[in-house]
Amino acid sequence: MTRLADVFVAAYQRRFPFQVMYSGIPKASRSGVDINTPEDLARWRAFVHGLEAKLNKIPESALIGRPQWVTRAYLLQGIAEARTDDTCQFELWDI
């Protein structure tokens, strides 16, 4: 469980360095831009879907009462937030 969460956070930091500055996650570098090409966003979405599939294979009942249960909840929230782009496609908004 912790490994899956670490993989998600590391991938998020690589792909969205600008957003990380506002997340509270410590980051050594303050440079970079968030991905926004259709190809990169498609890869990110495929990654999130794959991670969600792996997470769903781990029974929640096996984690209840353990620290990994809390990690699972945070990871589920992160995946849910990442999946909002599946519908909204914020990259298409001209704001």
N, C-alpha and C. Protein backbone atom coordinates (compact mmCIF):
# COMPACT_ATOMS: atom_id res chain seq x y z
N MET A 1 0.82 -1.18 0.00
CA MET A 1 0.00 0.00 0.00
C MET A 1 0.87 1.26 0.00
N THR A 2 1.84 1.27 0.87
CA THR A 2 2.72 2.43 0.96
C THR A 2 3.50 2.61 -0.34
N ARG A 3 3.89 1.51 -0.95
CA ARG A 3 4.63 1.59 -2.22
C ARG A 3 3.76 2.22 -3.30
N LEU A 4 2.49 1.83 -3.37
CA LEU A 4 1.58 2.42 -4.36
C LEU A 4 1.43 3.93 -4.13
N ALA A 5 1.28 4.31 -2.87
CA ALA A 5 1.15 5.73 -2.54
C ALA A 5 2.42 6.49 -2.91
N ASP A 6 3.57 5.91 -2.63
CA ASP A 6 4.84 6.55 -2.99
C ASP A 6 4.98 6.72 -4.49
N VAL A 7 4.56 5.71 -5.25
CA VAL A 7 4.61 5.78 -6.71
C VAL A 7 3.71 6.91 -7.21
N PHE A 8 2.50 7.02 -6.64
CA PHE A 8 1.58 8.08 -7.04
C PHE A 8 2.16 9.46 -6.76
N VAL A 9 2.67 9.65 -5.56
CA VAL A 9 3.21 10.97 -5.18
C VAL A 9 4.41 11.32 -6.06
N ALA A 10 5.30 10.38 -6.30
CA ALA A 10 6.48 10.65 -7.13
C ALA A 10 6.06 11.02 -8.56
N ALA A 11 5.10 10.30 -9.10
CA ALA A 11 4.63 10.59 -10.46
C ALA A 11 3.95 11.95 -10.51
N TYR A 12 3.17 12.26 -9.50
CA TYR A 12 2.50 13.56 -9.43
C TYR A 12 3.52 14.69 -9.38
N GLN A 13 4.55 14.51 -8.56
CA GLN A 13 5.58 15.54 -8.44
C GLN A 13 6.30 15.77 -9.76
N ARG A 14 6.55 14.70 -10.51
CA ARG A 14 7.23 14.83 -11.80
C ARG A 14 6.33 15.52 -12.83
N ARG A 15 5.07 15.18 -12.83
CA ARG A 15 4.18 15.66 -13.88
C ARG A 15 3.54 17.02 -13.59
N PHE A 16 3.43 17.36 -12.30
CA PHE A 16 2.75 18.60 -11.93
C PHE A 16 3.56 19.40 -10.92
N PRO A 17 4.80 19.78 -11.26
CA PRO A 17 5.65 20.48 -10.28
C PRO A 17 5.07 21.82 -9.83
N PHE A 18 4.34 22.50 -10.72
CA PHE A 18 3.77 23.78 -10.34
C PHE A 18 2.68 23.60 -9.29
N GLN A 19 1.83 22.59 -9.47
CA GLN A 19 0.78 22.31 -8.49
C GLN A 19 1.35 21.86 -7.16
N VAL A 20 2.48 21.17 -7.20
CA VAL A 20 3.11 20.69 -5.97
C VAL A 20 3.50 21.85 -5.06
N MET A 21 3.85 22.98 -5.66
CA MET A 21 4.23 24.14 -4.85
C MET A 21 3.10 24.57 -3.92
N TYR A 22 1.86 24.32 -4.32
CA TYR A 22 0.70 24.73 -3.52
C TYR A 22 0.12 23.61 -2.68
N SER A 23 0.72 22.43 -2.75
CA SER A 23 0.16 21.27 -2.05
C SER A 23 0.68 21.07 -0.64
N GLY A 24 1.82 21.68 -0.34
CA GLY A 24 2.44 21.45 0.96
C GLY A 24 3.44 20.31 0.93
N ILE A 25 3.55 19.63 -0.21
CA ILE A 25 4.54 18.56 -0.35
C ILE A 25 5.91 19.20 -0.51
N PRO A 26 6.89 18.83 0.33
CA PRO A 26 8.22 19.41 0.18
C PRO A 26 8.81 19.05 -1.18
N LYS A 27 9.43 20.00 -1.81
CA LYS A 27 10.06 19.77 -3.11
C LYS A 27 11.39 20.49 -3.15
N ALA A 28 12.42 19.78 -3.57
CA ALA A 28 13.76 20.36 -3.61
C ALA A 28 13.86 21.44 -4.67
N SER A 29 13.24 21.21 -5.83
CA SER A 29 13.34 22.15 -6.93
C SER A 29 12.04 22.92 -7.09
N ARG A 30 12.16 24.17 -7.43
CA ARG A 30 10.99 25.01 -7.68
C ARG A 30 10.88 25.33 -9.17
N SER A 31 11.43 24.48 -10.00
CA SER A 31 11.38 24.73 -11.44
C SER A 31 10.52 23.68 -12.12
N GLY A 32 10.16 23.96 -13.33
CA GLY A 32 9.36 23.03 -14.10
C GLY A 32 7.96 23.56 -14.35
N VAL A 33 7.28 22.94 -15.29
CA VAL A 33 5.90 23.29 -15.59
C VAL A 33 5.07 22.01 -15.60
N ASP A 34 3.79 22.18 -15.33
CA ASP A 34 2.89 21.03 -15.36
C ASP A 34 2.74 20.52 -16.78
N ILE A 35 2.52 19.21 -16.91
CA ILE A 35 2.29 18.66 -18.23
C ILE A 35 0.97 19.20 -18.77
N ASN A 36 0.91 19.38 -20.08
CA ASN A 36 -0.35 19.83 -20.65
C ASN A 36 -0.54 19.40 -22.10
N THR A 37 0.36 18.58 -22.62
CA THR A 37 0.15 18.09 -23.99
C THR A 37 -0.86 16.96 -23.94
N PRO A 38 -1.62 16.78 -24.99
CA PRO A 38 -2.60 15.69 -25.00
C PRO A 38 -1.96 14.32 -24.76
N GLU A 39 -0.76 14.11 -25.31
CA GLU A 39 -0.09 12.82 -25.14
C GLU A 39 0.31 12.58 -23.68
N ASP A 40 0.89 13.62 -23.07
CA ASP A 40 1.31 13.50 -21.67
C ASP A 40 0.11 13.31 -20.75
N LEU A 41 -0.95 14.03 -21.01
CA LEU A 41 -2.15 13.89 -20.19
C LEU A 41 -2.78 12.51 -20.37
N ALA A 42 -2.75 11.97 -21.57
CA ALA A 42 -3.26 10.62 -21.81
C ALA A 42 -2.43 9.59 -21.04
N ARG A 43 -1.10 9.77 -21.03
CA ARG A 43 -0.24 8.86 -20.26
C ARG A 43 -0.54 8.97 -18.76
N TRP A 44 -0.73 10.20 -18.27
CA TRP A 44 -1.06 10.40 -16.86
C TRP A 44 -2.38 9.70 -16.51
N ARG A 45 -3.37 9.89 -17.35
CA ARG A 45 -4.67 9.27 -17.08
C ARG A 45 -4.57 7.74 -17.10
N ALA A 46 -3.80 7.20 -18.03
CA ALA A 46 -3.61 5.75 -18.08
C ALA A 46 -2.88 5.27 -16.82
N PHE A 47 -1.90 6.04 -16.37
CA PHE A 47 -1.18 5.70 -15.14
C PHE A 47 -2.14 5.66 -13.95
N VAL A 48 -2.99 6.69 -13.83
CA VAL A 48 -3.93 6.77 -12.70
C VAL A 48 -4.91 5.61 -12.75
N HIS A 49 -5.42 5.29 -13.92
CA HIS A 49 -6.35 4.17 -14.05
C HIS A 49 -5.68 2.86 -13.67
N GLY A 50 -4.43 2.68 -14.11
CA GLY A 50 -3.69 1.47 -13.75
C GLY A 50 -3.43 1.36 -12.26
N LEU A 51 -3.07 2.48 -11.65
CA LEU A 51 -2.83 2.50 -10.21
C LEU A 51 -4.12 2.18 -9.45
N GLU A 52 -5.22 2.72 -9.92
CA GLU A 52 -6.51 2.45 -9.29
C GLU A 52 -6.86 0.96 -9.38
N ALA A 53 -6.57 0.35 -10.51
CA ALA A 53 -6.82 -1.09 -10.67
C ALA A 53 -5.99 -1.91 -9.69
N LYS A 54 -4.72 -1.52 -9.51
CA LYS A 54 -3.87 -2.22 -8.55
C LYS A 54 -4.40 -2.04 -7.13
N LEU A 55 -4.81 -0.83 -6.82
CA LEU A 55 -5.33 -0.55 -5.48
C LEU A 55 -6.59 -1.35 -5.20
N ASN A 56 -7.45 -1.47 -6.20
CA ASN A 56 -8.70 -2.20 -6.01
C ASN A 56 -8.48 -3.70 -5.80
N LYS A 57 -7.31 -4.21 -6.13
CA LYS A 57 -7.00 -5.63 -5.90
C LYS A 57 -6.61 -5.91 -4.45
N ILE A 58 -6.35 -4.86 -3.69
CA ILE A 58 -5.97 -5.02 -2.28
C ILE A 58 -7.24 -4.87 -1.45
N PRO A 59 -7.67 -5.93 -0.78
CA PRO A 59 -8.91 -5.83 -0.01
C PRO A 59 -8.78 -4.87 1.17
N GLU A 60 -9.73 -3.96 1.26
CA GLU A 60 -9.72 -2.99 2.35
C GLU A 60 -9.77 -3.69 3.70
N SER A 61 -10.50 -4.77 3.77
CA SER A 61 -10.66 -5.49 5.04
C SER A 61 -9.32 -5.97 5.60
N ALA A 62 -8.35 -6.19 4.73
CA ALA A 62 -7.03 -6.65 5.19
C ALA A 62 -6.23 -5.52 5.83
N LEU A 63 -6.68 -4.28 5.65
CA LEU A 63 -5.92 -3.12 6.14
C LEU A 63 -6.55 -2.43 7.33
N ILE A 64 -7.79 -2.72 7.63
CA ILE A 64 -8.50 -2.03 8.71
C ILE A 64 -7.72 -2.17 10.02
N GLY A 65 -7.53 -1.02 10.67
CA GLY A 65 -6.80 -0.99 11.94
C GLY A 65 -5.29 -0.85 11.79
N ARG A 66 -4.82 -0.79 10.56
CA ARG A 66 -3.39 -0.66 10.31
C ARG A 66 -3.11 0.70 9.67
N PRO A 67 -1.89 1.21 9.79
CA PRO A 67 -1.58 2.51 9.18
C PRO A 67 -1.85 2.53 7.67
N GLN A 68 -1.70 1.39 7.02
CA GLN A 68 -1.92 1.32 5.58
C GLN A 68 -3.38 1.60 5.20
N TRP A 69 -4.28 1.42 6.15
CA TRP A 69 -5.69 1.71 5.89
C TRP A 69 -5.87 3.22 5.65
N VAL A 70 -5.18 4.02 6.45
CA VAL A 70 -5.23 5.48 6.28
C VAL A 70 -4.54 5.87 4.97
N THR A 71 -3.41 5.25 4.68
CA THR A 71 -2.71 5.52 3.42
C THR A 71 -3.63 5.21 2.25
N ARG A 72 -4.35 4.11 2.34
CA ARG A 72 -5.30 3.73 1.28
C ARG A 72 -6.34 4.82 1.08
N ALA A 73 -6.87 5.35 2.16
CA ALA A 73 -7.89 6.40 2.06
C ALA A 73 -7.34 7.64 1.37
N TYR A 74 -6.14 8.05 1.72
CA TYR A 74 -5.53 9.22 1.07
C TYR A 74 -5.25 8.94 -0.40
N LEU A 75 -4.79 7.74 -0.70
CA LEU A 75 -4.51 7.40 -2.09
C LEU A 75 -5.80 7.38 -2.90
N LEU A 76 -6.86 6.82 -2.34
CA LEU A 76 -8.15 6.84 -3.03
C LEU A 76 -8.60 8.27 -3.32
N GLN A 77 -8.39 9.17 -2.36
CA GLN A 77 -8.76 10.57 -2.57
C GLN A 77 -7.92 11.19 -3.68
N GLY A 78 -6.62 10.93 -3.67
CA GLY A 78 -5.75 11.45 -4.72
C GLY A 78 -6.14 10.94 -6.10
N ILE A 79 -6.48 9.68 -6.18
CA ILE A 79 -6.91 9.09 -7.45
C ILE A 79 -8.24 9.71 -7.89
N ALA A 80 -9.16 9.87 -6.96
CA ALA A 80 -10.45 10.48 -7.29
C ALA A 80 -10.26 11.90 -7.83
N GLU A 81 -9.38 12.65 -7.20
CA GLU A 81 -9.11 14.02 -7.67
C GLU A 81 -8.47 14.00 -9.05
N ALA A 82 -7.56 13.08 -9.27
CA ALA A 82 -6.90 12.98 -10.58
C ALA A 82 -7.90 12.56 -11.66
N ARG A 83 -8.86 11.74 -11.28
CA ARG A 83 -9.84 11.26 -12.25
C ARG A 83 -10.86 12.33 -12.63
N THR A 84 -10.96 13.42 -11.89
CA THR A 84 -11.90 14.47 -12.27
C THR A 84 -11.53 15.03 -13.64
N ASP A 85 -10.25 14.97 -13.99
CA ASP A 85 -9.82 15.45 -15.30
C ASP A 85 -10.35 14.57 -16.43
N ASP A 86 -10.71 13.33 -16.13
CA ASP A 86 -11.26 12.46 -17.17
C ASP A 86 -12.52 13.11 -17.77
N THR A 87 -13.29 13.75 -16.94
CA THR A 87 -14.53 14.37 -17.39
C THR A 87 -14.34 15.84 -17.72
N CYS A 88 -13.71 16.56 -16.81
CA CYS A 88 -13.63 18.02 -16.95
C CYS A 88 -12.64 18.47 -18.02
N GLN A 89 -11.55 17.75 -18.18
CA GLN A 89 -10.49 18.10 -19.12
C GLN A 89 -10.12 19.57 -19.00
N PHE A 90 -9.60 19.93 -17.85
CA PHE A 90 -9.25 21.30 -17.55
C PHE A 90 -8.27 21.91 -18.57
N GLU A 91 -7.48 21.06 -19.22
CA GLU A 91 -6.52 21.58 -20.18
C GLU A 91 -7.21 22.25 -21.38
N LEU A 92 -8.48 21.97 -21.59
CA LEU A 92 -9.21 22.55 -22.71
C LEU A 92 -9.87 23.89 -22.36
N TRP A 93 -9.86 24.23 -21.09
CA TRP A 93 -10.50 25.48 -20.66
C TRP A 93 -9.59 26.66 -20.98
N ASP A 94 -10.14 27.68 -21.50
CA ASP A 94 -9.39 28.90 -21.80
C ASP A 94 -9.77 29.96 -20.77
N ILE A 95 -9.11 29.88 -19.62
CA ILE A 95 -9.44 30.80 -18.52
C ILE A 95 -8.34 31.82 -18.37
